[in-house]
């Protein structure tokens, strides 16, 4: 199933590159950074091969590919950040209790981003899976926009450049990069899922115990 999805992503990316060329890099990386699972591990290596090496362009064009990828990431991040700041923040503050998210935990998230937000945003851009979703919580936590943009652009550039360079070096076998990242990406995705499951399991158990204590007092 995963390989079929990746094959679809590959064909879609190739079609976009054939149709519009370099702007396709910006578009696809913007999609990825807007919390849509369109992996850069396919987008950028394919660009390094199809738009640079296959076209007979020099290695220096990888710098352009990396920059366009980073710009795309920044544009997509604006969308996720804005949704988190304008809609997500209000939703969490008003309806967070329905999702078992307390105001105390919202305040903890704010303090975390105030203290560690710069490192979280920068280093997350160097990791698969996590990099796609960091913008939304940064918006919810009201991280300053200018700082968020700078860290996103700086953190996204080496990632995009490295993937494009890998595609350039491997040529027609650029897809081997995807095989390298898959053993990392899948455990990260599973780990995030387990962390969410643990959080809600812990909260539900705490609520159940609180209910039992109330019942015991009433008796």
N, C-alpha and C. Protein backbone atom coordinates (compact mmCIF):
# COMPACT_ATOMS: atom_id res chain seq x y z
N UNK A 1 0.83 -1.21 0.00
CA UNK A 1 0.00 0.00 0.00
C UNK A 1 0.86 1.26 0.00
N UNK A 2 1.92 1.26 0.84
CA UNK A 2 2.83 2.40 0.91
C UNK A 2 3.54 2.59 -0.43
N UNK A 3 4.00 1.48 -1.02
CA UNK A 3 4.71 1.57 -2.30
C UNK A 3 3.78 2.06 -3.41
N UNK A 4 2.50 1.66 -3.36
CA UNK A 4 1.54 2.11 -4.36
C UNK A 4 1.31 3.62 -4.23
N UNK A 5 1.24 4.09 -2.99
CA UNK A 5 1.07 5.53 -2.76
C UNK A 5 2.29 6.30 -3.25
N UNK A 6 3.48 5.78 -2.97
CA UNK A 6 4.70 6.43 -3.43
C UNK A 6 4.77 6.45 -4.95
N UNK A 7 4.29 5.40 -5.60
CA UNK A 7 4.29 5.34 -7.06
C UNK A 7 3.35 6.41 -7.62
N UNK A 8 2.21 6.60 -6.95
CA UNK A 8 1.28 7.64 -7.39
C UNK A 8 1.91 9.03 -7.22
N UNK A 9 2.58 9.24 -6.08
CA UNK A 9 3.27 10.50 -5.83
C UNK A 9 4.32 10.75 -6.91
N UNK A 10 5.06 9.70 -7.26
CA UNK A 10 6.11 9.81 -8.28
C UNK A 10 5.52 10.25 -9.61
N UNK A 11 4.47 9.58 -10.04
CA UNK A 11 3.88 9.90 -11.33
C UNK A 11 3.29 11.30 -11.33
N UNK A 12 2.66 11.70 -10.23
CA UNK A 12 2.09 13.04 -10.13
C UNK A 12 3.19 14.09 -10.18
N UNK A 13 4.28 13.85 -9.45
CA UNK A 13 5.40 14.80 -9.43
C UNK A 13 6.03 14.92 -10.80
N UNK A 14 6.25 13.78 -11.45
CA UNK A 14 6.86 13.81 -12.79
C UNK A 14 5.97 14.59 -13.76
N UNK A 15 4.66 14.37 -13.68
CA UNK A 15 3.74 15.07 -14.58
C UNK A 15 3.79 16.58 -14.35
N UNK A 16 3.88 16.98 -13.08
CA UNK A 16 3.94 18.42 -12.77
C UNK A 16 5.24 19.02 -13.26
N UNK A 17 6.35 18.30 -13.09
CA UNK A 17 7.64 18.79 -13.57
C UNK A 17 7.65 18.91 -15.09
N UNK A 18 7.05 17.95 -15.77
CA UNK A 18 7.00 18.00 -17.23
C UNK A 18 6.14 19.17 -17.71
N UNK A 19 5.11 19.50 -16.93
CA UNK A 19 4.18 20.54 -17.35
C UNK A 19 4.72 21.95 -17.08
N UNK A 20 5.29 22.19 -15.88
CA UNK A 20 5.67 23.56 -15.51
C UNK A 20 7.12 23.71 -15.08
N UNK A 21 7.87 22.61 -15.00
CA UNK A 21 9.29 22.70 -14.68
C UNK A 21 9.58 23.16 -13.27
N UNK A 22 10.49 24.15 -13.13
CA UNK A 22 10.96 24.58 -11.82
C UNK A 22 9.86 25.07 -10.88
N UNK A 23 8.85 25.79 -11.34
CA UNK A 23 7.78 26.18 -10.41
C UNK A 23 7.11 24.98 -9.74
N UNK A 24 7.23 23.82 -10.39
CA UNK A 24 6.66 22.62 -9.80
C UNK A 24 7.32 22.25 -8.49
N UNK A 25 8.62 22.56 -8.35
CA UNK A 25 9.33 22.28 -7.10
C UNK A 25 8.72 23.10 -5.96
N UNK A 26 8.51 24.39 -6.23
CA UNK A 26 7.90 25.27 -5.22
C UNK A 26 6.51 24.77 -4.86
N UNK A 27 5.73 24.45 -5.87
CA UNK A 27 4.35 24.00 -5.64
C UNK A 27 4.30 22.73 -4.81
N UNK A 28 5.07 21.72 -5.22
CA UNK A 28 5.02 20.43 -4.53
C UNK A 28 5.55 20.52 -3.11
N UNK A 29 6.61 21.28 -2.89
CA UNK A 29 7.14 21.42 -1.54
C UNK A 29 6.22 22.26 -0.66
N UNK A 30 5.46 23.18 -1.27
CA UNK A 30 4.46 23.93 -0.52
C UNK A 30 3.33 23.00 -0.08
N UNK A 31 2.94 22.10 -0.97
CA UNK A 31 1.91 21.11 -0.61
C UNK A 31 2.37 20.26 0.55
N UNK A 32 3.62 19.79 0.48
CA UNK A 32 4.16 18.94 1.55
C UNK A 32 4.17 19.67 2.89
N UNK A 33 4.52 20.95 2.87
CA UNK A 33 4.68 21.70 4.11
C UNK A 33 3.36 22.23 4.65
N UNK A 34 2.28 22.03 3.90
CA UNK A 34 0.96 22.46 4.36
C UNK A 34 0.23 21.30 5.05
N UNK A 35 0.99 20.38 5.62
CA UNK A 35 0.45 19.22 6.35
C UNK A 35 -0.26 18.23 5.46
N UNK A 36 0.14 18.18 4.18
CA UNK A 36 -0.39 17.20 3.24
C UNK A 36 0.72 16.19 2.95
N UNK A 37 0.44 14.90 3.12
CA UNK A 37 1.51 13.88 2.99
C UNK A 37 1.99 13.68 1.56
N UNK A 38 2.75 14.66 1.05
CA UNK A 38 3.37 14.57 -0.27
C UNK A 38 4.86 14.60 -0.03
N UNK A 39 5.52 13.48 0.20
CA UNK A 39 6.87 13.43 0.76
C UNK A 39 7.95 14.11 -0.07
N UNK A 40 8.73 14.95 0.61
CA UNK A 40 9.86 15.60 -0.06
C UNK A 40 10.93 14.58 -0.44
N UNK A 41 10.91 13.40 0.20
CA UNK A 41 11.86 12.35 -0.13
C UNK A 41 11.65 11.81 -1.54
N UNK A 42 10.51 12.15 -2.15
CA UNK A 42 10.26 11.85 -3.56
C UNK A 42 10.42 13.11 -4.40
N UNK A 43 9.88 14.22 -3.92
CA UNK A 43 9.85 15.47 -4.69
C UNK A 43 11.25 15.96 -5.05
N UNK A 44 12.12 16.08 -4.05
CA UNK A 44 13.42 16.71 -4.28
C UNK A 44 14.42 15.81 -4.99
N UNK A 45 14.55 14.52 -4.65
CA UNK A 45 15.47 13.67 -5.44
C UNK A 45 15.07 13.59 -6.91
N UNK A 46 13.75 13.55 -7.16
CA UNK A 46 13.28 13.53 -8.54
C UNK A 46 13.66 14.83 -9.24
N UNK A 47 13.59 15.96 -8.52
CA UNK A 47 13.99 17.24 -9.11
C UNK A 47 15.49 17.24 -9.42
N UNK A 48 16.30 16.69 -8.51
CA UNK A 48 17.74 16.63 -8.74
C UNK A 48 18.10 15.84 -9.97
N UNK A 49 17.33 14.81 -10.25
CA UNK A 49 17.62 14.00 -11.43
C UNK A 49 16.92 14.57 -12.68
N UNK A 50 15.60 14.74 -12.60
CA UNK A 50 14.79 15.06 -13.77
C UNK A 50 14.99 16.50 -14.24
N UNK A 51 15.13 17.45 -13.28
CA UNK A 51 15.22 18.86 -13.66
C UNK A 51 16.66 19.36 -13.77
N UNK A 52 17.61 18.61 -13.21
CA UNK A 52 19.00 19.06 -13.25
C UNK A 52 19.85 18.12 -14.11
N UNK A 53 20.09 16.92 -13.64
CA UNK A 53 21.00 16.01 -14.34
C UNK A 53 20.45 15.59 -15.69
N UNK A 54 19.17 15.24 -15.76
CA UNK A 54 18.57 14.79 -17.01
C UNK A 54 18.55 15.90 -18.06
N UNK A 55 18.51 17.16 -17.59
CA UNK A 55 18.50 18.30 -18.51
C UNK A 55 19.91 18.74 -18.89
N UNK A 56 20.92 18.07 -18.34
CA UNK A 56 22.29 18.41 -18.66
C UNK A 56 22.81 19.65 -17.95
N UNK A 57 22.15 20.05 -16.86
CA UNK A 57 22.58 21.22 -16.11
C UNK A 57 23.68 20.84 -15.14
N UNK A 58 24.48 21.83 -14.74
CA UNK A 58 25.59 21.58 -13.85
C UNK A 58 25.17 21.39 -12.40
N UNK A 59 26.13 20.96 -11.60
CA UNK A 59 25.90 20.68 -10.19
C UNK A 59 25.42 21.92 -9.44
N UNK A 60 25.84 23.11 -9.94
CA UNK A 60 25.48 24.35 -9.24
C UNK A 60 23.97 24.60 -9.27
N UNK A 61 23.27 23.97 -10.20
CA UNK A 61 21.82 24.13 -10.26
C UNK A 61 21.11 23.46 -9.10
N UNK A 62 21.83 22.60 -8.41
CA UNK A 62 21.25 22.01 -7.20
C UNK A 62 21.01 23.08 -6.14
N UNK A 63 21.84 24.13 -6.15
CA UNK A 63 21.63 25.24 -5.22
C UNK A 63 20.29 25.91 -5.49
N UNK A 64 19.95 26.01 -6.77
CA UNK A 64 18.65 26.58 -7.15
C UNK A 64 17.53 25.65 -6.71
N UNK A 65 17.70 24.36 -6.94
CA UNK A 65 16.68 23.39 -6.54
C UNK A 65 16.44 23.44 -5.04
N UNK A 66 17.54 23.49 -4.27
CA UNK A 66 17.41 23.55 -2.82
C UNK A 66 16.70 24.81 -2.37
N UNK A 67 17.01 25.94 -3.00
CA UNK A 67 16.38 27.20 -2.63
C UNK A 67 14.89 27.19 -2.97
N UNK A 68 14.55 26.68 -4.14
CA UNK A 68 13.13 26.61 -4.52
C UNK A 68 12.37 25.67 -3.59
N UNK A 69 13.01 24.57 -3.21
CA UNK A 69 12.37 23.66 -2.27
C UNK A 69 12.12 24.33 -0.93
N UNK A 70 13.10 25.10 -0.46
CA UNK A 70 12.96 25.80 0.82
C UNK A 70 11.88 26.87 0.75
N UNK A 71 11.82 27.59 -0.38
CA UNK A 71 10.78 28.60 -0.55
C UNK A 71 9.40 27.94 -0.57
N UNK A 72 9.29 26.81 -1.26
CA UNK A 72 8.03 26.08 -1.26
C UNK A 72 7.62 25.66 0.14
N UNK A 73 8.59 25.16 0.91
CA UNK A 73 8.31 24.79 2.30
C UNK A 73 7.81 25.98 3.10
N UNK A 74 8.43 27.13 2.89
CA UNK A 74 8.04 28.33 3.61
C UNK A 74 6.61 28.73 3.27
N UNK A 75 6.27 28.71 1.97
CA UNK A 75 4.92 29.09 1.55
C UNK A 75 3.87 28.14 2.13
N UNK A 76 4.15 26.85 2.07
CA UNK A 76 3.21 25.89 2.63
C UNK A 76 3.09 26.01 4.13
N UNK A 77 4.21 26.34 4.78
CA UNK A 77 4.20 26.50 6.23
C UNK A 77 3.35 27.68 6.66
N UNK A 78 3.32 28.73 5.84
CA UNK A 78 2.46 29.87 6.16
C UNK A 78 1.01 29.44 6.30
N UNK A 79 0.58 28.54 5.41
CA UNK A 79 -0.81 28.08 5.45
C UNK A 79 -1.08 27.34 6.76
N UNK A 80 -0.23 26.36 7.08
CA UNK A 80 -0.43 25.58 8.30
C UNK A 80 -0.29 26.45 9.54
N UNK A 81 0.68 27.37 9.52
CA UNK A 81 0.90 28.27 10.65
C UNK A 81 -0.31 29.18 10.86
N UNK A 82 -0.83 29.75 9.77
CA UNK A 82 -1.98 30.66 9.86
C UNK A 82 -3.22 29.94 10.37
N UNK A 83 -3.43 28.72 9.89
CA UNK A 83 -4.58 27.94 10.36
C UNK A 83 -4.43 27.66 11.85
N UNK A 84 -3.23 27.28 12.27
CA UNK A 84 -3.00 27.01 13.68
C UNK A 84 -3.19 28.24 14.54
N UNK A 85 -2.73 29.40 14.05
CA UNK A 85 -2.79 30.62 14.86
C UNK A 85 -4.20 31.21 14.90
N UNK A 86 -4.90 31.22 13.78
CA UNK A 86 -6.20 31.87 13.71
C UNK A 86 -7.35 30.95 14.08
N UNK A 87 -7.30 29.72 13.56
CA UNK A 87 -8.41 28.79 13.77
C UNK A 87 -8.10 27.80 14.88
N UNK A 88 -6.92 27.18 14.80
CA UNK A 88 -6.56 26.15 15.76
C UNK A 88 -6.50 26.67 17.18
N UNK A 89 -5.95 27.87 17.36
CA UNK A 89 -5.82 28.44 18.70
C UNK A 89 -7.19 28.66 19.33
N UNK A 90 -8.09 29.29 18.57
CA UNK A 90 -9.43 29.56 19.08
C UNK A 90 -10.18 28.25 19.36
N UNK A 91 -9.99 27.28 18.48
CA UNK A 91 -10.68 26.01 18.65
C UNK A 91 -10.21 25.29 19.90
N UNK A 92 -8.88 25.25 20.09
CA UNK A 92 -8.33 24.56 21.26
C UNK A 92 -8.78 25.25 22.55
N UNK A 93 -8.77 26.59 22.56
CA UNK A 93 -9.16 27.31 23.77
C UNK A 93 -10.64 27.13 24.08
N UNK A 94 -11.45 26.99 23.04
CA UNK A 94 -12.90 26.88 23.27
C UNK A 94 -13.37 25.44 23.41
N UNK A 95 -12.82 24.56 22.58
CA UNK A 95 -13.32 23.19 22.56
C UNK A 95 -12.27 22.15 22.95
N UNK A 96 -11.13 22.61 23.44
CA UNK A 96 -10.07 21.68 23.79
C UNK A 96 -10.50 20.63 24.79
N UNK A 97 -11.43 21.00 25.69
CA UNK A 97 -11.88 20.03 26.70
C UNK A 97 -12.56 18.83 26.06
N UNK A 98 -13.16 19.04 24.88
CA UNK A 98 -13.80 17.92 24.19
C UNK A 98 -12.76 16.95 23.63
N UNK A 99 -11.56 17.47 23.41
CA UNK A 99 -10.45 16.63 22.93
C UNK A 99 -9.54 16.21 24.07
N UNK A 100 -10.00 16.46 25.30
CA UNK A 100 -9.25 16.13 26.52
C UNK A 100 -7.95 16.93 26.61
N UNK A 101 -7.97 18.15 26.08
CA UNK A 101 -6.82 19.05 26.17
C UNK A 101 -7.18 20.17 27.14
N UNK A 102 -6.50 20.24 28.24
CA UNK A 102 -6.81 21.24 29.27
C UNK A 102 -6.11 22.57 28.97
N UNK A 103 -6.61 23.63 29.60
CA UNK A 103 -5.98 24.94 29.45
C UNK A 103 -4.55 24.91 30.01
N UNK A 104 -4.35 24.10 31.02
CA UNK A 104 -3.00 23.96 31.59
C UNK A 104 -2.04 23.42 30.54
N UNK A 105 -2.49 22.45 29.75
CA UNK A 105 -1.63 21.86 28.72
C UNK A 105 -1.40 22.85 27.57
N UNK A 106 -2.40 23.68 27.28
CA UNK A 106 -2.22 24.72 26.27
C UNK A 106 -1.15 25.70 26.74
N UNK A 107 -1.21 26.07 28.03
CA UNK A 107 -0.20 26.98 28.59
C UNK A 107 1.18 26.33 28.58
N UNK A 108 1.24 25.03 28.82
CA UNK A 108 2.52 24.32 28.78
C UNK A 108 3.10 24.34 27.37
N UNK A 109 2.24 24.18 26.37
CA UNK A 109 2.69 24.23 24.98
C UNK A 109 3.24 25.61 24.64
N UNK A 110 2.57 26.65 25.14
CA UNK A 110 3.04 28.02 24.92
C UNK A 110 4.43 28.21 25.52
N UNK A 111 4.60 27.72 26.74
CA UNK A 111 5.90 27.87 27.40
C UNK A 111 6.98 27.08 26.68
N UNK A 112 6.61 25.90 26.17
CA UNK A 112 7.58 25.09 25.43
C UNK A 112 8.07 25.83 24.20
N UNK A 113 7.14 26.40 23.41
CA UNK A 113 7.55 27.09 22.20
C UNK A 113 8.28 28.39 22.52
N UNK A 114 7.93 29.02 23.65
CA UNK A 114 8.64 30.23 24.03
C UNK A 114 10.09 29.90 24.38
N UNK A 115 10.31 28.72 24.96
CA UNK A 115 11.64 28.35 25.42
C UNK A 115 12.43 27.56 24.38
N UNK A 116 11.75 26.60 23.73
CA UNK A 116 12.47 25.70 22.82
C UNK A 116 11.96 25.79 21.37
N UNK A 117 11.07 26.73 21.10
CA UNK A 117 10.43 26.78 19.79
C UNK A 117 11.39 26.93 18.63
N UNK A 118 12.43 27.74 18.82
CA UNK A 118 13.39 27.95 17.73
C UNK A 118 14.08 26.63 17.34
N UNK A 119 14.54 25.91 18.32
CA UNK A 119 15.18 24.62 18.05
C UNK A 119 14.22 23.62 17.48
N UNK A 120 12.97 23.62 18.00
CA UNK A 120 11.97 22.65 17.53
C UNK A 120 11.64 22.88 16.06
N UNK A 121 11.43 24.13 15.66
CA UNK A 121 11.09 24.43 14.28
C UNK A 121 12.26 24.14 13.35
N UNK A 122 13.47 24.55 13.76
CA UNK A 122 14.64 24.35 12.90
C UNK A 122 14.96 22.87 12.71
N UNK A 123 15.12 22.14 13.81
CA UNK A 123 15.56 20.75 13.70
C UNK A 123 14.46 19.84 13.14
N UNK A 124 13.20 20.21 13.33
CA UNK A 124 12.14 19.39 12.75
C UNK A 124 12.20 19.41 11.23
N UNK A 125 12.73 20.50 10.66
CA UNK A 125 12.84 20.59 9.21
C UNK A 125 13.90 19.64 8.65
N UNK A 126 14.69 19.06 9.51
CA UNK A 126 15.72 18.12 9.09
C UNK A 126 15.30 16.68 9.32
N UNK A 127 14.02 16.47 9.67
CA UNK A 127 13.52 15.13 9.97
C UNK A 127 12.34 14.78 9.08
N UNK A 128 12.27 13.55 8.61
CA UNK A 128 11.08 13.14 7.86
C UNK A 128 9.87 13.09 8.78
N UNK A 129 8.67 13.16 8.20
CA UNK A 129 7.39 13.08 8.90
C UNK A 129 7.16 14.30 9.78
N UNK A 130 7.99 14.47 10.81
CA UNK A 130 7.80 15.55 11.77
C UNK A 130 7.81 16.90 11.08
N UNK A 131 8.69 17.08 10.08
CA UNK A 131 8.86 18.37 9.41
C UNK A 131 7.55 18.85 8.77
N UNK A 132 6.70 17.92 8.39
CA UNK A 132 5.47 18.29 7.71
C UNK A 132 4.46 18.93 8.65
N UNK A 133 4.53 18.60 9.94
CA UNK A 133 3.45 18.98 10.85
C UNK A 133 3.83 20.01 11.91
N UNK A 134 5.08 20.47 11.95
CA UNK A 134 5.51 21.37 13.01
C UNK A 134 4.88 22.76 12.91
N UNK A 135 4.49 23.18 11.71
CA UNK A 135 3.99 24.55 11.51
C UNK A 135 2.68 24.79 12.25
N UNK A 136 1.80 23.82 12.24
CA UNK A 136 0.49 24.00 12.87
C UNK A 136 0.62 24.25 14.38
N UNK A 137 1.31 23.40 15.13
CA UNK A 137 1.46 23.69 16.56
C UNK A 137 2.23 24.97 16.84
N UNK A 138 3.15 25.35 15.95
CA UNK A 138 3.86 26.63 16.12
C UNK A 138 2.88 27.79 16.02
N UNK A 139 1.91 27.68 15.13
CA UNK A 139 0.87 28.70 15.01
C UNK A 139 -0.05 28.71 16.22
N UNK A 140 -0.45 27.54 16.67
CA UNK A 140 -1.31 27.45 17.86
C UNK A 140 -0.62 28.09 19.06
N UNK A 141 0.69 27.90 19.18
CA UNK A 141 1.46 28.44 20.30
C UNK A 141 1.83 29.91 20.10
N UNK A 142 1.37 30.53 19.00
CA UNK A 142 1.63 31.95 18.74
C UNK A 142 3.11 32.29 18.65
N UNK A 143 3.89 31.42 18.02
CA UNK A 143 5.30 31.72 17.81
C UNK A 143 5.41 32.94 16.90
N UNK A 144 6.28 33.91 17.18
CA UNK A 144 6.42 35.10 16.33
C UNK A 144 6.64 34.72 14.87
N UNK A 145 5.89 35.36 13.97
CA UNK A 145 5.90 34.98 12.56
C UNK A 145 7.27 35.15 11.92
N UNK A 146 7.94 36.28 12.18
CA UNK A 146 9.24 36.52 11.54
C UNK A 146 10.25 35.46 11.93
N UNK A 147 10.27 35.09 13.21
CA UNK A 147 11.19 34.07 13.68
C UNK A 147 10.84 32.72 13.07
N UNK A 148 9.55 32.42 13.00
CA UNK A 148 9.10 31.16 12.41
C UNK A 148 9.52 31.06 10.95
N UNK A 149 9.35 32.15 10.20
CA UNK A 149 9.70 32.14 8.77
C UNK A 149 11.19 31.94 8.57
N UNK A 150 11.99 32.65 9.34
CA UNK A 150 13.44 32.56 9.20
C UNK A 150 13.93 31.15 9.50
N UNK A 151 13.45 30.57 10.58
CA UNK A 151 13.88 29.22 10.97
C UNK A 151 13.40 28.17 9.97
N UNK A 152 12.20 28.37 9.45
CA UNK A 152 11.66 27.43 8.46
C UNK A 152 12.50 27.45 7.19
N UNK A 153 12.83 28.65 6.71
CA UNK A 153 13.61 28.77 5.48
C UNK A 153 15.02 28.21 5.65
N UNK A 154 15.66 28.58 6.75
CA UNK A 154 17.04 28.12 7.00
C UNK A 154 17.08 26.61 7.24
N UNK A 155 16.10 26.08 7.95
CA UNK A 155 16.08 24.65 8.22
C UNK A 155 15.70 23.81 7.01
N UNK A 156 14.87 24.37 6.13
CA UNK A 156 14.41 23.62 4.96
C UNK A 156 15.46 23.54 3.85
N UNK A 157 16.34 24.53 3.79
CA UNK A 157 17.29 24.58 2.67
C UNK A 157 18.25 23.39 2.65
N UNK A 158 18.95 23.07 3.76
CA UNK A 158 19.87 21.92 3.69
C UNK A 158 19.14 20.61 3.40
N UNK A 159 17.93 20.47 3.90
CA UNK A 159 17.15 19.26 3.63
C UNK A 159 16.85 19.14 2.14
N UNK A 160 16.34 20.22 1.55
CA UNK A 160 16.00 20.21 0.13
C UNK A 160 17.24 20.04 -0.74
N UNK A 161 18.31 20.74 -0.38
CA UNK A 161 19.56 20.64 -1.14
C UNK A 161 20.14 19.23 -1.07
N UNK A 162 20.14 18.64 0.11
CA UNK A 162 20.68 17.30 0.27
C UNK A 162 19.93 16.26 -0.53
N UNK A 163 18.59 16.35 -0.51
CA UNK A 163 17.78 15.38 -1.27
C UNK A 163 17.97 15.57 -2.77
N UNK A 164 18.01 16.83 -3.21
CA UNK A 164 18.22 17.09 -4.63
C UNK A 164 19.60 16.59 -5.06
N UNK A 165 20.61 16.81 -4.20
CA UNK A 165 21.95 16.33 -4.50
C UNK A 165 22.01 14.82 -4.60
N UNK A 166 21.26 14.15 -3.72
CA UNK A 166 21.22 12.69 -3.77
C UNK A 166 20.61 12.21 -5.07
N UNK A 167 19.54 12.88 -5.51
CA UNK A 167 18.92 12.51 -6.79
C UNK A 167 19.85 12.75 -7.96
N UNK A 168 20.63 13.82 -7.90
CA UNK A 168 21.59 14.14 -8.96
C UNK A 168 22.68 13.08 -9.04
N UNK A 169 23.20 12.69 -7.89
CA UNK A 169 24.30 11.72 -7.85
C UNK A 169 23.85 10.33 -8.30
N UNK A 170 22.66 9.93 -7.85
CA UNK A 170 22.17 8.59 -8.16
C UNK A 170 21.55 8.49 -9.55
N UNK A 171 21.17 9.63 -10.11
CA UNK A 171 20.61 9.62 -11.46
C UNK A 171 19.32 8.84 -11.55
N UNK A 172 19.25 7.90 -12.49
CA UNK A 172 18.03 7.13 -12.70
C UNK A 172 17.67 6.27 -11.49
N UNK A 173 18.62 6.07 -10.62
CA UNK A 173 18.35 5.27 -9.42
C UNK A 173 18.08 6.16 -8.20
N UNK A 174 17.59 7.38 -8.44
CA UNK A 174 17.33 8.33 -7.37
C UNK A 174 16.36 7.79 -6.33
N UNK A 175 15.47 6.86 -6.76
CA UNK A 175 14.45 6.36 -5.84
C UNK A 175 15.04 5.53 -4.70
N UNK A 176 16.33 5.20 -4.79
CA UNK A 176 16.96 4.49 -3.67
C UNK A 176 16.95 5.34 -2.40
N UNK A 177 16.90 6.66 -2.58
CA UNK A 177 16.84 7.55 -1.42
C UNK A 177 15.57 7.29 -0.62
N UNK A 178 14.47 7.06 -1.32
CA UNK A 178 13.21 6.76 -0.65
C UNK A 178 13.34 5.49 0.18
N UNK A 179 14.04 4.51 -0.36
CA UNK A 179 14.24 3.26 0.37
C UNK A 179 15.08 3.46 1.63
N UNK A 180 15.98 4.45 1.58
CA UNK A 180 16.81 4.74 2.76
C UNK A 180 15.97 5.39 3.86
N UNK A 181 15.08 6.31 3.47
CA UNK A 181 14.31 7.05 4.45
C UNK A 181 13.10 6.28 4.99
N UNK A 182 12.63 5.29 4.22
CA UNK A 182 11.44 4.56 4.65
C UNK A 182 11.61 3.91 6.02
N UNK A 183 12.76 3.24 6.31
CA UNK A 183 12.92 2.63 7.65
C UNK A 183 12.95 3.66 8.77
N UNK A 184 13.23 4.93 8.43
CA UNK A 184 13.22 5.98 9.44
C UNK A 184 11.84 6.60 9.55
N UNK A 185 11.22 6.87 8.41
CA UNK A 185 9.93 7.56 8.39
C UNK A 185 8.82 6.74 9.04
N UNK A 186 8.80 5.44 8.74
CA UNK A 186 7.73 4.60 9.28
C UNK A 186 7.78 4.52 10.81
N UNK A 187 8.95 4.25 11.41
CA UNK A 187 8.99 4.25 12.88
C UNK A 187 8.62 5.61 13.49
N UNK A 188 9.00 6.71 12.84
CA UNK A 188 8.63 8.02 13.36
C UNK A 188 7.11 8.20 13.33
N UNK A 189 6.49 7.79 12.22
CA UNK A 189 5.03 7.90 12.11
C UNK A 189 4.35 7.02 13.16
N UNK A 190 4.85 5.80 13.32
CA UNK A 190 4.28 4.90 14.33
C UNK A 190 4.49 5.47 15.73
N UNK A 191 5.68 6.03 15.97
CA UNK A 191 5.97 6.62 17.27
C UNK A 191 5.03 7.77 17.61
N UNK A 192 4.76 8.62 16.61
CA UNK A 192 3.82 9.72 16.83
C UNK A 192 2.43 9.19 17.13
N UNK A 193 2.03 8.17 16.38
CA UNK A 193 0.72 7.57 16.63
C UNK A 193 0.61 6.97 18.03
N UNK A 194 1.67 6.29 18.47
CA UNK A 194 1.67 5.71 19.81
C UNK A 194 1.68 6.79 20.89
N UNK A 195 2.38 7.88 20.64
CA UNK A 195 2.41 8.98 21.61
C UNK A 195 1.02 9.58 21.77
N UNK A 196 0.31 9.75 20.66
CA UNK A 196 -1.06 10.28 20.72
C UNK A 196 -1.97 9.31 21.44
N UNK A 197 -1.81 8.01 21.12
CA UNK A 197 -2.63 6.99 21.78
C UNK A 197 -2.36 6.96 23.28
N UNK A 198 -1.07 7.08 23.67
CA UNK A 198 -0.72 7.09 25.09
C UNK A 198 -1.34 8.30 25.79
N UNK A 199 -1.28 9.46 25.14
CA UNK A 199 -1.83 10.68 25.74
C UNK A 199 -3.32 10.51 26.04
N UNK A 200 -4.06 10.07 25.03
CA UNK A 200 -5.51 9.94 25.24
C UNK A 200 -5.84 8.79 26.17
N UNK A 201 -5.07 7.71 26.11
CA UNK A 201 -5.30 6.63 27.06
C UNK A 201 -5.06 7.09 28.48
N UNK A 202 -4.00 7.86 28.68
CA UNK A 202 -3.68 8.39 30.01
C UNK A 202 -4.77 9.33 30.50
N UNK A 203 -5.26 10.21 29.63
CA UNK A 203 -6.29 11.16 30.02
C UNK A 203 -7.61 10.46 30.33
N UNK A 204 -7.98 9.49 29.51
CA UNK A 204 -9.24 8.76 29.74
C UNK A 204 -9.16 7.99 31.06
N UNK A 205 -8.02 7.38 31.32
CA UNK A 205 -7.85 6.65 32.58
C UNK A 205 -7.93 7.60 33.77
N UNK A 206 -7.33 8.79 33.63
CA UNK A 206 -7.37 9.77 34.72
C UNK A 206 -8.80 10.22 34.98
N UNK A 207 -9.57 10.45 33.91
CA UNK A 207 -10.97 10.85 34.07
C UNK A 207 -11.79 9.74 34.71
N UNK A 208 -11.51 8.51 34.32
CA UNK A 208 -12.24 7.37 34.89
C UNK A 208 -11.96 7.25 36.38
N UNK A 209 -10.69 7.40 36.77
CA UNK A 209 -10.33 7.33 38.18
C UNK A 209 -10.94 8.47 38.98
N UNK A 210 -10.98 9.66 38.35
CA UNK A 210 -11.61 10.80 39.03
C UNK A 210 -13.09 10.53 39.26
N UNK A 211 -13.74 9.93 38.27
CA UNK A 211 -15.15 9.59 38.41
C UNK A 211 -15.38 8.57 39.51
N UNK A 212 -14.49 7.61 39.61
CA UNK A 212 -14.59 6.60 40.66
C UNK A 212 -14.44 7.22 42.04
N UNK A 213 -13.52 8.19 42.16
CA UNK A 213 -13.32 8.85 43.46
C UNK A 213 -14.55 9.65 43.86
N UNK A 214 -15.19 10.29 42.87
CA UNK A 214 -16.42 11.04 43.16
C UNK A 214 -17.52 10.11 43.61
N UNK A 215 -17.63 8.96 42.94
CA UNK A 215 -18.65 7.98 43.32
C UNK A 215 -18.41 7.46 44.72
N UNK A 216 -17.13 7.21 45.04
CA UNK A 216 -16.79 6.71 46.37
C UNK A 216 -17.14 7.73 47.46
N UNK A 217 -16.91 9.00 47.21
CA UNK A 217 -17.24 10.04 48.18
C UNK A 217 -18.74 10.17 48.37
N UNK A 218 -19.48 10.03 47.29
CA UNK A 218 -20.95 10.13 47.38
C UNK A 218 -21.55 8.99 48.17
N UNK A 219 -20.90 7.83 48.12
CA UNK A 219 -21.40 6.68 48.88
C UNK A 219 -21.10 6.86 50.37
